[in-house]
Each structure stands twice: as C-alpha cells, then as structure tokens.
N, C-alpha and C. Protein backbone atom coordinates (compact mmCIF):
# COMPACT_ATOMS: atom_id res chain seq x y z
N MET A 1 5.59 83.65 53.66
CA MET A 1 6.04 82.80 52.56
C MET A 1 7.47 83.16 52.22
N GLY A 2 8.14 82.20 51.68
CA GLY A 2 9.53 82.41 51.27
C GLY A 2 9.88 81.48 50.14
N TYR A 3 11.10 81.62 49.63
CA TYR A 3 11.56 80.75 48.54
C TYR A 3 13.07 80.59 48.63
N THR A 4 13.54 79.56 47.93
CA THR A 4 14.98 79.29 47.82
C THR A 4 15.27 78.65 46.49
N TYR A 5 16.51 78.84 46.05
CA TYR A 5 16.96 78.17 44.82
C TYR A 5 17.91 77.02 45.13
N ASP A 6 18.55 77.07 46.30
CA ASP A 6 19.59 76.10 46.62
C ASP A 6 19.48 75.46 48.01
N PHE A 7 18.47 75.80 48.78
CA PHE A 7 18.23 75.33 50.15
C PHE A 7 19.37 75.74 51.09
N GLU A 8 20.12 76.77 50.68
CA GLU A 8 21.13 77.35 51.57
C GLU A 8 20.76 78.79 51.91
N GLU A 9 20.33 79.54 50.89
CA GLU A 9 19.86 80.91 51.11
C GLU A 9 18.34 80.92 50.93
N PHE A 10 17.66 81.61 51.85
CA PHE A 10 16.22 81.67 51.80
C PHE A 10 15.78 83.14 51.75
N TYR A 11 14.73 83.43 51.01
CA TYR A 11 14.24 84.78 50.84
C TYR A 11 12.79 84.83 51.29
N GLN A 12 12.49 85.78 52.15
CA GLN A 12 11.14 85.90 52.65
C GLN A 12 10.36 86.91 51.83
N LEU A 13 9.11 86.54 51.49
CA LEU A 13 8.21 87.44 50.78
C LEU A 13 7.40 88.23 51.80
N GLU A 14 6.72 89.25 51.32
CA GLU A 14 5.82 90.01 52.18
C GLU A 14 4.72 89.10 52.68
N ASN A 15 4.13 89.45 53.80
CA ASN A 15 2.99 88.71 54.33
C ASN A 15 1.86 88.77 53.31
N ALA A 16 1.31 87.62 52.96
CA ALA A 16 0.27 87.57 51.94
C ALA A 16 -1.05 88.22 52.37
N PHE A 17 -1.32 88.18 53.67
CA PHE A 17 -2.59 88.69 54.14
C PHE A 17 -2.40 89.61 55.33
N LEU A 18 -3.47 90.28 55.72
CA LEU A 18 -3.42 91.05 56.94
C LEU A 18 -3.17 90.09 58.12
N PRO A 19 -2.65 90.61 59.23
CA PRO A 19 -2.42 89.71 60.39
C PRO A 19 -3.71 89.03 60.82
N HIS A 20 -3.52 87.98 61.58
CA HIS A 20 -4.64 87.18 62.11
C HIS A 20 -5.30 86.39 60.99
N ASN A 21 -4.49 85.70 60.25
CA ASN A 21 -4.96 84.79 59.23
C ASN A 21 -4.17 83.50 59.41
N ARG A 22 -4.84 82.38 59.41
CA ARG A 22 -4.18 81.12 59.73
C ARG A 22 -4.39 80.09 58.62
N ASN A 23 -3.60 79.04 58.70
CA ASN A 23 -3.76 77.87 57.82
C ASN A 23 -3.60 78.23 56.35
N GLY A 24 -2.60 79.04 55.99
CA GLY A 24 -2.35 79.37 54.60
C GLY A 24 -1.78 78.16 53.86
N VAL A 25 -2.41 77.77 52.77
CA VAL A 25 -2.01 76.60 51.99
C VAL A 25 -2.03 76.97 50.50
N LEU A 26 -0.88 76.88 49.84
CA LEU A 26 -0.81 77.16 48.41
C LEU A 26 -1.27 75.96 47.59
N PHE A 27 -1.91 76.20 46.46
CA PHE A 27 -2.21 75.15 45.51
C PHE A 27 -0.90 74.79 44.80
N PRO A 28 -0.75 73.56 44.32
CA PRO A 28 0.52 73.13 43.74
C PRO A 28 0.83 73.70 42.35
N ARG A 29 -0.15 74.34 41.74
CA ARG A 29 0.08 74.97 40.44
C ARG A 29 -0.82 76.19 40.32
N LYS A 30 -0.54 77.02 39.30
CA LYS A 30 -1.39 78.18 39.07
C LYS A 30 -2.78 77.73 38.59
N ILE A 31 -3.76 78.52 38.94
CA ILE A 31 -5.14 78.26 38.50
C ILE A 31 -5.59 79.51 37.78
N ASN A 32 -6.05 79.34 36.54
CA ASN A 32 -6.44 80.49 35.71
C ASN A 32 -5.35 81.54 35.68
N GLU A 33 -4.11 81.08 35.53
CA GLU A 33 -2.91 81.93 35.39
C GLU A 33 -2.52 82.68 36.64
N ASN A 34 -3.10 82.35 37.78
CA ASN A 34 -2.74 83.01 39.03
C ASN A 34 -2.35 81.97 40.09
N TYR A 35 -1.48 82.42 41.02
CA TYR A 35 -1.20 81.58 42.19
C TYR A 35 -2.48 81.56 43.02
N ALA A 36 -2.68 80.47 43.74
CA ALA A 36 -3.90 80.33 44.52
C ALA A 36 -3.58 79.81 45.91
N MET A 37 -4.39 80.26 46.87
CA MET A 37 -4.16 79.88 48.26
C MET A 37 -5.48 79.73 49.02
N LEU A 38 -5.46 78.83 49.99
CA LEU A 38 -6.57 78.68 50.92
C LEU A 38 -6.09 79.27 52.25
N SER A 39 -7.00 79.88 53.00
CA SER A 39 -6.63 80.41 54.30
C SER A 39 -7.85 80.51 55.21
N ARG A 40 -7.59 80.89 56.45
CA ARG A 40 -8.70 81.07 57.43
C ARG A 40 -8.48 82.40 58.15
N PRO A 41 -9.18 83.46 57.74
CA PRO A 41 -9.08 84.73 58.47
C PRO A 41 -9.59 84.54 59.90
N SER A 42 -9.00 85.26 60.81
CA SER A 42 -9.43 85.19 62.22
C SER A 42 -9.25 86.59 62.82
N ASP A 43 -9.31 86.67 64.14
CA ASP A 43 -9.07 87.96 64.77
C ASP A 43 -8.01 87.81 65.85
N THR A 44 -7.91 88.76 66.73
CA THR A 44 -6.84 88.73 67.72
C THR A 44 -7.07 87.70 68.83
N GLY A 45 -8.24 87.15 68.90
CA GLY A 45 -8.53 86.11 69.89
C GLY A 45 -8.11 84.75 69.38
N HIS A 46 -8.60 83.71 69.98
CA HIS A 46 -8.27 82.35 69.55
C HIS A 46 -9.26 81.89 68.48
N THR A 47 -9.20 82.54 67.33
CA THR A 47 -10.00 82.22 66.14
C THR A 47 -11.46 81.88 66.49
N PRO A 48 -12.22 82.89 66.98
CA PRO A 48 -13.61 82.63 67.34
C PRO A 48 -14.47 82.28 66.12
N PHE A 49 -13.98 82.54 64.94
CA PHE A 49 -14.70 82.06 63.78
C PHE A 49 -13.70 81.32 62.92
N GLY A 50 -14.14 80.41 62.12
CA GLY A 50 -13.22 79.63 61.33
C GLY A 50 -13.82 79.14 60.05
N ASP A 51 -13.70 79.90 58.98
CA ASP A 51 -14.18 79.52 57.66
C ASP A 51 -12.99 79.48 56.72
N ILE A 52 -13.09 78.71 55.65
CA ILE A 52 -12.00 78.60 54.67
C ILE A 52 -12.29 79.55 53.51
N PHE A 53 -11.26 80.31 53.14
CA PHE A 53 -11.36 81.25 52.02
C PHE A 53 -10.32 80.91 50.94
N TYR A 54 -10.62 81.35 49.73
CA TYR A 54 -9.73 81.20 48.57
C TYR A 54 -9.28 82.59 48.17
N SER A 55 -7.97 82.72 47.82
CA SER A 55 -7.43 83.99 47.33
C SER A 55 -6.49 83.69 46.17
N GLU A 56 -6.26 84.70 45.34
CA GLU A 56 -5.31 84.49 44.24
C GLU A 56 -4.42 85.70 44.03
N SER A 57 -3.29 85.46 43.33
CA SER A 57 -2.28 86.49 43.14
C SER A 57 -1.58 86.29 41.80
N PRO A 58 -1.27 87.39 41.07
CA PRO A 58 -0.54 87.24 39.83
C PRO A 58 0.97 87.05 40.08
N ASP A 59 1.44 87.46 41.27
CA ASP A 59 2.88 87.49 41.51
C ASP A 59 3.33 87.02 42.90
N MET A 60 2.43 86.52 43.71
CA MET A 60 2.67 86.08 45.08
C MET A 60 3.01 87.26 46.01
N ILE A 61 2.77 88.47 45.55
CA ILE A 61 2.95 89.66 46.40
C ILE A 61 1.61 90.29 46.67
N TYR A 62 0.84 90.56 45.63
CA TYR A 62 -0.47 91.19 45.76
C TYR A 62 -1.56 90.12 45.69
N TRP A 63 -2.34 90.01 46.74
CA TRP A 63 -3.37 88.97 46.83
C TRP A 63 -4.75 89.61 46.84
N GLY A 64 -5.68 88.98 46.16
CA GLY A 64 -7.05 89.50 46.13
C GLY A 64 -8.02 88.44 45.67
N LYS A 65 -9.17 88.90 45.18
CA LYS A 65 -10.26 88.02 44.76
C LYS A 65 -10.57 86.99 45.86
N HIS A 66 -10.63 87.46 47.10
CA HIS A 66 -10.91 86.59 48.23
C HIS A 66 -12.34 86.09 48.15
N ARG A 67 -12.47 84.77 48.23
CA ARG A 67 -13.81 84.17 48.11
C ARG A 67 -14.03 83.18 49.25
N HIS A 68 -15.20 83.22 49.83
CA HIS A 68 -15.56 82.28 50.87
C HIS A 68 -15.80 80.92 50.22
N ILE A 69 -15.15 79.87 50.77
CA ILE A 69 -15.34 78.53 50.22
C ILE A 69 -16.36 77.75 51.05
N MET A 70 -16.07 77.63 52.34
CA MET A 70 -17.00 76.90 53.19
C MET A 70 -16.80 77.28 54.64
N GLY A 71 -17.89 77.13 55.39
CA GLY A 71 -17.87 77.47 56.79
C GLY A 71 -18.11 76.27 57.68
N ARG A 72 -18.26 76.56 58.96
CA ARG A 72 -18.51 75.51 59.93
C ARG A 72 -19.81 74.81 59.61
N SER A 73 -19.93 73.60 60.15
CA SER A 73 -21.14 72.83 59.92
C SER A 73 -21.49 72.12 61.22
N GLU A 74 -22.16 71.03 61.11
CA GLU A 74 -22.63 70.30 62.29
C GLU A 74 -21.56 69.41 62.89
N GLY A 75 -21.78 68.98 64.13
CA GLY A 75 -20.97 67.95 64.78
C GLY A 75 -19.48 68.26 64.89
N TRP A 76 -18.68 67.39 64.34
CA TRP A 76 -17.22 67.44 64.49
C TRP A 76 -16.58 68.70 63.88
N GLN A 77 -17.31 69.45 63.07
CA GLN A 77 -16.77 70.66 62.44
C GLN A 77 -17.63 71.89 62.78
N SER A 78 -18.17 71.90 64.00
CA SER A 78 -19.11 72.97 64.39
C SER A 78 -18.45 74.21 65.00
N THR A 79 -17.21 74.09 65.49
CA THR A 79 -16.55 75.25 66.11
C THR A 79 -15.72 76.03 65.10
N LYS A 80 -14.90 75.34 64.33
CA LYS A 80 -14.09 75.98 63.29
C LYS A 80 -13.55 74.92 62.35
N ILE A 81 -13.15 75.37 61.16
CA ILE A 81 -12.53 74.52 60.17
C ILE A 81 -11.32 75.26 59.60
N GLY A 82 -10.41 74.53 58.98
CA GLY A 82 -9.25 75.15 58.33
C GLY A 82 -8.61 74.18 57.39
N ALA A 83 -7.98 74.72 56.37
CA ALA A 83 -7.30 73.89 55.36
C ALA A 83 -6.17 73.11 56.02
N GLY A 84 -5.84 71.98 55.43
CA GLY A 84 -4.74 71.13 55.92
C GLY A 84 -3.62 71.08 54.90
N PRO A 85 -3.35 69.89 54.32
CA PRO A 85 -2.28 69.76 53.34
C PRO A 85 -2.60 70.49 52.04
N ILE A 86 -1.60 70.59 51.19
CA ILE A 86 -1.78 71.14 49.84
C ILE A 86 -2.85 70.35 49.11
N PRO A 87 -3.81 71.02 48.47
CA PRO A 87 -4.85 70.27 47.73
C PRO A 87 -4.25 69.34 46.68
N ILE A 88 -4.91 68.21 46.49
CA ILE A 88 -4.44 67.18 45.55
C ILE A 88 -5.28 67.28 44.30
N GLU A 89 -4.63 67.43 43.16
CA GLU A 89 -5.35 67.51 41.88
C GLU A 89 -5.77 66.11 41.44
N THR A 90 -7.05 65.94 41.18
CA THR A 90 -7.58 64.66 40.70
C THR A 90 -8.41 64.89 39.45
N ASN A 91 -8.82 63.81 38.81
CA ASN A 91 -9.71 63.92 37.64
C ASN A 91 -11.08 64.48 38.00
N GLU A 92 -11.44 64.38 39.28
CA GLU A 92 -12.75 64.82 39.74
C GLU A 92 -12.75 66.27 40.24
N GLY A 93 -11.55 66.81 40.54
CA GLY A 93 -11.44 68.16 41.10
C GLY A 93 -10.28 68.20 42.10
N TRP A 94 -10.20 69.28 42.85
CA TRP A 94 -9.18 69.42 43.90
C TRP A 94 -9.64 68.73 45.16
N LEU A 95 -8.89 67.77 45.62
CA LEU A 95 -9.18 67.05 46.85
C LEU A 95 -8.53 67.82 48.00
N MET A 96 -9.35 68.39 48.87
CA MET A 96 -8.84 69.15 50.01
C MET A 96 -9.11 68.37 51.29
N ILE A 97 -8.04 68.10 52.04
CA ILE A 97 -8.17 67.50 53.37
C ILE A 97 -8.11 68.65 54.34
N TYR A 98 -9.04 68.72 55.27
CA TYR A 98 -9.09 69.85 56.18
C TYR A 98 -9.34 69.35 57.60
N HIS A 99 -9.20 70.27 58.56
CA HIS A 99 -9.50 69.92 59.94
C HIS A 99 -10.78 70.62 60.38
N GLY A 100 -11.47 69.97 61.28
CA GLY A 100 -12.67 70.54 61.88
C GLY A 100 -12.55 70.40 63.38
N VAL A 101 -13.19 71.32 64.10
CA VAL A 101 -13.08 71.34 65.55
C VAL A 101 -14.48 71.32 66.17
N LEU A 102 -14.61 70.44 67.18
CA LEU A 102 -15.81 70.35 67.99
C LEU A 102 -15.45 70.83 69.39
N THR A 103 -16.28 71.64 70.00
CA THR A 103 -16.09 72.04 71.38
C THR A 103 -16.89 71.08 72.26
N SER A 104 -16.18 70.24 73.00
CA SER A 104 -16.84 69.27 73.89
C SER A 104 -16.74 69.74 75.33
N CYS A 105 -17.35 69.02 76.25
CA CYS A 105 -17.26 69.40 77.66
C CYS A 105 -15.83 69.22 78.17
N ASN A 106 -15.00 68.49 77.45
CA ASN A 106 -13.58 68.32 77.82
C ASN A 106 -12.64 69.13 76.97
N GLY A 107 -13.15 70.11 76.25
CA GLY A 107 -12.31 70.97 75.41
C GLY A 107 -12.49 70.69 73.94
N TYR A 108 -11.54 71.21 73.12
CA TYR A 108 -11.60 71.05 71.68
C TYR A 108 -11.25 69.62 71.27
N VAL A 109 -11.88 69.16 70.19
CA VAL A 109 -11.54 67.89 69.55
C VAL A 109 -11.31 68.20 68.07
N TYR A 110 -10.09 67.92 67.60
CA TYR A 110 -9.70 68.18 66.21
C TYR A 110 -9.78 66.89 65.40
N SER A 111 -10.54 66.89 64.31
CA SER A 111 -10.70 65.74 63.44
C SER A 111 -10.42 66.15 61.99
N MET A 112 -10.36 65.15 61.11
CA MET A 112 -10.09 65.41 59.69
C MET A 112 -11.29 65.13 58.83
N GLY A 113 -11.48 65.98 57.83
CA GLY A 113 -12.50 65.76 56.83
C GLY A 113 -11.91 66.00 55.45
N ALA A 114 -12.74 65.88 54.42
CA ALA A 114 -12.28 66.11 53.06
C ALA A 114 -13.38 66.79 52.25
N ALA A 115 -12.96 67.52 51.25
CA ALA A 115 -13.88 68.18 50.33
C ALA A 115 -13.32 68.08 48.93
N LEU A 116 -14.19 68.10 47.94
CA LEU A 116 -13.78 68.12 46.55
C LEU A 116 -14.19 69.46 45.98
N LEU A 117 -13.20 70.21 45.47
CA LEU A 117 -13.42 71.54 44.93
C LEU A 117 -13.35 71.49 43.40
N ASP A 118 -14.09 72.36 42.74
CA ASP A 118 -14.07 72.44 41.28
C ASP A 118 -12.64 72.70 40.79
N ILE A 119 -12.22 72.03 39.74
CA ILE A 119 -10.85 72.12 39.26
C ILE A 119 -10.50 73.51 38.72
N ASN A 120 -11.46 74.21 38.10
CA ASN A 120 -11.19 75.55 37.56
C ASN A 120 -11.69 76.68 38.44
N LYS A 121 -12.63 76.37 39.32
CA LYS A 121 -13.19 77.35 40.25
C LYS A 121 -13.14 76.75 41.65
N PRO A 122 -11.94 76.71 42.27
CA PRO A 122 -11.79 76.01 43.55
C PRO A 122 -12.59 76.60 44.70
N TRP A 123 -13.23 77.71 44.50
CA TRP A 123 -14.07 78.30 45.52
C TRP A 123 -15.46 77.64 45.51
N GLU A 124 -15.70 76.75 44.56
CA GLU A 124 -16.97 76.02 44.50
C GLU A 124 -16.77 74.60 45.02
N VAL A 125 -17.51 74.27 46.10
CA VAL A 125 -17.41 72.97 46.74
C VAL A 125 -18.38 72.00 46.05
N LEU A 126 -17.84 70.90 45.53
CA LEU A 126 -18.66 69.89 44.86
C LEU A 126 -19.21 68.88 45.90
N TYR A 127 -18.35 68.44 46.79
CA TYR A 127 -18.71 67.49 47.85
C TYR A 127 -17.94 67.86 49.11
N ARG A 128 -18.51 67.50 50.25
CA ARG A 128 -17.87 67.75 51.55
C ARG A 128 -18.33 66.68 52.52
N THR A 129 -17.40 66.08 53.22
CA THR A 129 -17.75 64.97 54.10
C THR A 129 -18.64 65.42 55.26
N ARG A 130 -19.70 64.65 55.45
CA ARG A 130 -20.54 64.85 56.65
C ARG A 130 -19.83 64.22 57.85
N PRO A 131 -19.43 62.94 57.79
CA PRO A 131 -18.67 62.39 58.90
C PRO A 131 -17.19 62.72 58.72
N TYR A 132 -16.44 62.66 59.81
CA TYR A 132 -14.98 62.85 59.70
C TYR A 132 -14.38 61.63 59.01
N ILE A 133 -13.16 61.82 58.49
CA ILE A 133 -12.43 60.67 57.91
C ILE A 133 -11.41 60.12 58.90
N LEU A 134 -11.02 60.91 59.90
CA LEU A 134 -10.15 60.44 60.97
C LEU A 134 -10.39 61.30 62.20
N ASN A 135 -10.50 60.65 63.32
CA ASN A 135 -10.82 61.30 64.59
C ASN A 135 -9.88 60.75 65.66
N PRO A 136 -9.51 61.55 66.67
CA PRO A 136 -8.60 61.04 67.71
C PRO A 136 -9.22 59.85 68.46
N ARG A 137 -8.60 58.71 68.34
CA ARG A 137 -9.05 57.48 69.01
C ARG A 137 -7.92 56.76 69.72
N GLU A 138 -6.71 56.93 69.19
CA GLU A 138 -5.55 56.25 69.77
C GLU A 138 -5.01 57.07 70.94
N GLN A 139 -4.32 56.39 71.85
CA GLN A 139 -3.74 57.05 73.03
C GLN A 139 -2.85 58.25 72.65
N TYR A 140 -2.02 58.07 71.60
CA TYR A 140 -1.11 59.13 71.17
C TYR A 140 -1.83 60.30 70.50
N GLU A 141 -3.11 60.16 70.15
CA GLU A 141 -3.92 61.25 69.62
C GLU A 141 -4.72 61.95 70.71
N MET A 142 -4.99 61.21 71.79
CA MET A 142 -5.83 61.75 72.85
C MET A 142 -5.04 62.33 74.03
N VAL A 143 -3.78 61.90 74.21
CA VAL A 143 -3.00 62.37 75.37
C VAL A 143 -1.71 62.98 74.87
N GLY A 144 -1.45 64.21 75.28
CA GLY A 144 -0.23 64.91 74.88
C GLY A 144 -0.31 66.37 75.24
N ASP A 145 0.50 67.20 74.57
CA ASP A 145 0.51 68.64 74.86
C ASP A 145 -0.86 69.26 74.70
N VAL A 146 -1.57 68.90 73.64
CA VAL A 146 -2.94 69.33 73.42
C VAL A 146 -3.78 68.08 73.15
N PRO A 147 -4.60 67.65 74.10
CA PRO A 147 -5.32 66.38 73.92
C PRO A 147 -6.36 66.44 72.83
N ASN A 148 -6.70 65.24 72.32
CA ASN A 148 -7.79 65.04 71.36
C ASN A 148 -7.56 65.77 70.04
N VAL A 149 -6.39 65.53 69.44
CA VAL A 149 -6.03 66.19 68.19
C VAL A 149 -5.58 65.18 67.15
N ALA A 150 -6.22 65.21 65.96
CA ALA A 150 -5.77 64.56 64.74
C ALA A 150 -5.78 65.67 63.69
N PHE A 151 -4.62 66.33 63.50
CA PHE A 151 -4.54 67.56 62.71
C PHE A 151 -3.75 67.29 61.42
N PRO A 152 -4.40 67.33 60.23
CA PRO A 152 -3.72 67.03 58.98
C PRO A 152 -2.72 68.11 58.60
N CYS A 153 -1.48 67.71 58.31
CA CYS A 153 -0.41 68.67 58.02
C CYS A 153 0.14 68.55 56.60
N ALA A 154 0.29 67.36 56.07
CA ALA A 154 0.87 67.16 54.75
C ALA A 154 0.30 65.90 54.14
N ALA A 155 0.32 65.83 52.82
CA ALA A 155 -0.12 64.63 52.11
C ALA A 155 0.73 64.42 50.87
N LEU A 156 1.16 63.20 50.69
CA LEU A 156 1.91 62.81 49.50
C LEU A 156 1.06 61.85 48.70
N THR A 157 1.06 62.03 47.39
CA THR A 157 0.25 61.15 46.53
C THR A 157 1.14 60.47 45.53
N ASP A 158 1.00 59.17 45.39
CA ASP A 158 1.72 58.40 44.38
C ASP A 158 0.88 58.44 43.11
N ALA A 159 1.40 59.08 42.07
CA ALA A 159 0.64 59.26 40.83
C ALA A 159 0.31 57.93 40.16
N ASP A 160 1.14 56.91 40.33
CA ASP A 160 0.91 55.61 39.68
C ASP A 160 -0.20 54.81 40.37
N THR A 161 -0.21 54.81 41.69
CA THR A 161 -1.16 53.98 42.43
C THR A 161 -2.34 54.76 43.00
N GLY A 162 -2.21 56.08 43.12
CA GLY A 162 -3.26 56.89 43.73
C GLY A 162 -3.22 56.84 45.24
N ARG A 163 -2.21 56.19 45.81
CA ARG A 163 -2.11 56.07 47.27
C ARG A 163 -1.75 57.44 47.87
N ILE A 164 -2.45 57.81 48.93
CA ILE A 164 -2.22 59.06 49.64
C ILE A 164 -1.65 58.73 51.02
N SER A 165 -0.54 59.34 51.37
CA SER A 165 0.03 59.26 52.70
C SER A 165 -0.26 60.57 53.39
N ILE A 166 -1.04 60.54 54.48
CA ILE A 166 -1.41 61.77 55.20
C ILE A 166 -0.61 61.84 56.50
N TYR A 167 0.20 62.87 56.61
CA TYR A 167 0.95 63.13 57.84
C TYR A 167 0.08 64.04 58.71
N TYR A 168 -0.06 63.65 59.97
CA TYR A 168 -0.91 64.46 60.85
C TYR A 168 -0.34 64.50 62.25
N GLY A 169 -0.68 65.59 62.95
CA GLY A 169 -0.24 65.73 64.33
C GLY A 169 -1.20 65.03 65.26
N GLY A 170 -0.62 64.28 66.23
CA GLY A 170 -1.42 63.60 67.24
C GLY A 170 -1.19 64.28 68.58
N ALA A 171 -2.25 64.86 69.13
CA ALA A 171 -2.21 65.55 70.44
C ALA A 171 -1.11 66.62 70.49
N ASP A 172 -0.79 67.21 69.36
CA ASP A 172 0.28 68.23 69.27
C ASP A 172 1.58 67.76 69.89
N THR A 173 1.81 66.45 69.87
CA THR A 173 2.99 65.87 70.51
C THR A 173 3.77 64.96 69.58
N VAL A 174 3.06 64.22 68.72
CA VAL A 174 3.72 63.26 67.83
C VAL A 174 3.25 63.49 66.39
N THR A 175 4.06 63.02 65.44
CA THR A 175 3.67 63.02 64.04
C THR A 175 3.18 61.62 63.67
N CYS A 176 2.02 61.56 63.05
CA CYS A 176 1.40 60.28 62.72
C CYS A 176 1.28 60.18 61.20
N LEU A 177 0.97 58.97 60.73
CA LEU A 177 0.83 58.72 59.30
C LEU A 177 -0.36 57.81 59.05
N ALA A 178 -1.23 58.22 58.14
CA ALA A 178 -2.39 57.42 57.75
C ALA A 178 -2.38 57.27 56.23
N PHE A 179 -2.98 56.20 55.74
CA PHE A 179 -2.97 55.92 54.30
C PHE A 179 -4.39 55.74 53.78
N THR A 180 -4.58 56.18 52.54
CA THR A 180 -5.81 55.91 51.81
C THR A 180 -5.46 55.99 50.33
N THR A 181 -6.44 56.02 49.46
CA THR A 181 -6.20 56.24 48.04
C THR A 181 -7.13 57.36 47.57
N VAL A 182 -6.78 57.95 46.45
CA VAL A 182 -7.62 59.02 45.88
C VAL A 182 -9.01 58.45 45.60
N ASP A 183 -9.09 57.28 44.97
CA ASP A 183 -10.38 56.69 44.61
C ASP A 183 -11.24 56.43 45.84
N MET A 184 -10.63 55.85 46.89
CA MET A 184 -11.40 55.55 48.10
C MET A 184 -11.94 56.82 48.75
N LEU A 185 -11.10 57.87 48.80
CA LEU A 185 -11.50 59.11 49.44
C LEU A 185 -12.58 59.83 48.62
N VAL A 186 -12.42 59.87 47.33
CA VAL A 186 -13.42 60.53 46.47
C VAL A 186 -14.75 59.76 46.54
N ASP A 187 -14.70 58.44 46.51
CA ASP A 187 -15.95 57.65 46.64
C ASP A 187 -16.62 57.91 47.99
N PHE A 188 -15.81 57.93 49.06
CA PHE A 188 -16.36 58.21 50.38
C PHE A 188 -17.03 59.58 50.41
N LEU A 189 -16.37 60.57 49.82
CA LEU A 189 -16.92 61.93 49.74
C LEU A 189 -18.27 61.95 49.05
N LYS A 190 -18.33 61.32 47.90
CA LYS A 190 -19.57 61.32 47.11
C LYS A 190 -20.72 60.64 47.85
N ASN A 191 -20.40 59.60 48.61
CA ASN A 191 -21.44 58.83 49.31
C ASN A 191 -21.76 59.37 50.70
N ASN A 192 -20.97 60.32 51.19
CA ASN A 192 -21.16 60.82 52.55
C ASN A 192 -21.03 62.33 52.60
N SER A 193 -21.63 63.01 51.64
CA SER A 193 -21.49 64.46 51.52
C SER A 193 -22.62 65.20 52.23
N LEU A 194 -22.28 66.41 52.71
CA LEU A 194 -23.28 67.28 53.30
C LEU A 194 -24.28 67.73 52.25
C-alpha cells in the first residue's frame, strides 16, 4: 500500500500482511473507527486454497482482528474465490463483487459473483450469489494470455442513479466494461443466494 498528496511523490507503507496474501481490497471508509480490508491468504504455491478474510487496522500499519468471511462453494466458485473491486456501500449493506474459479478439464475458468455483507460487521455475509453474475462467453474473454477469464477489477457507482460500471479483465489480455445497478444486483442476490 502507498499514498500520495499530489500524485507526484508517492510513499510506500509497510506490507499489511505476511507474504503470500492476494487480492487486498480496502473499504472506502473506516468501519467501527478502523480501516478495513478484504484479502485472500495463500501459500508459496499457486493459491491452493482461496477464502476471503476481513482485517482491520487503527493506522494502516498494524493489522489484526482477521476474520474468515467466506470460502469456496459449489460449481463456478469451487476452486478458489477472492475479492474484486472496492466494496460498494448500500442501504442494504456492503456490496462485494468477487471472483470465483472453477477447475475444468480445459483449465481454470474465472467468473464473477456478488455478496452482501453486514454494514457494521462486514465479516458477516447476508447473501451470496449461487449462480455467477458474469462468466467468460465472448471471444475476448475466452481467448488471450490466460483463457476463460472474466476477472472483476474496479467498480464505479453513480450515487444519483445507482448505476454500477464494472471494469474487468478478459482473458488477462483486454479490459472490459459491464453495467448493472445497485438495485438490480441486490435483488438478484436476494433471489439467488446460497
């Protein structure tokens, strides 16, 4: 992690976690007076396990209170999962878009899902999608440096309309853009939850 005041000089902070931790995503504001982050601890291999954890810090230097949020599940998220864009604050809770991986006979398939976390206790999952919300189907998602990838990277939300723009990697080769709304995604979550 790092910070800047002027986008000319940048300052690097200490590593927030022990090595072999991936998909670090900060929440956009403090929660219960602490900075908060989602991550996926792993090991020296190619992340043979993949669960999402929550951690917090009073100063962005010392991190603790690590809590397990959710682990792998069936189908498209059976090999590993990891946080994607910064969680979106909604009236219903924190909307988290995440990636899930399926190991197929042709290799890994990366798809997108969503979960709704409690607004004050983000380590508590209220809803989690059973089906994926986006899966590699287009040529640019299936063919490239790493085939069969729809990997969520960033999301912008229009506060007036609730429209969400999701930027995602396609086959680790191109940047793609998908659109939805907070209401549509939350409704889908509630009606299609594990």
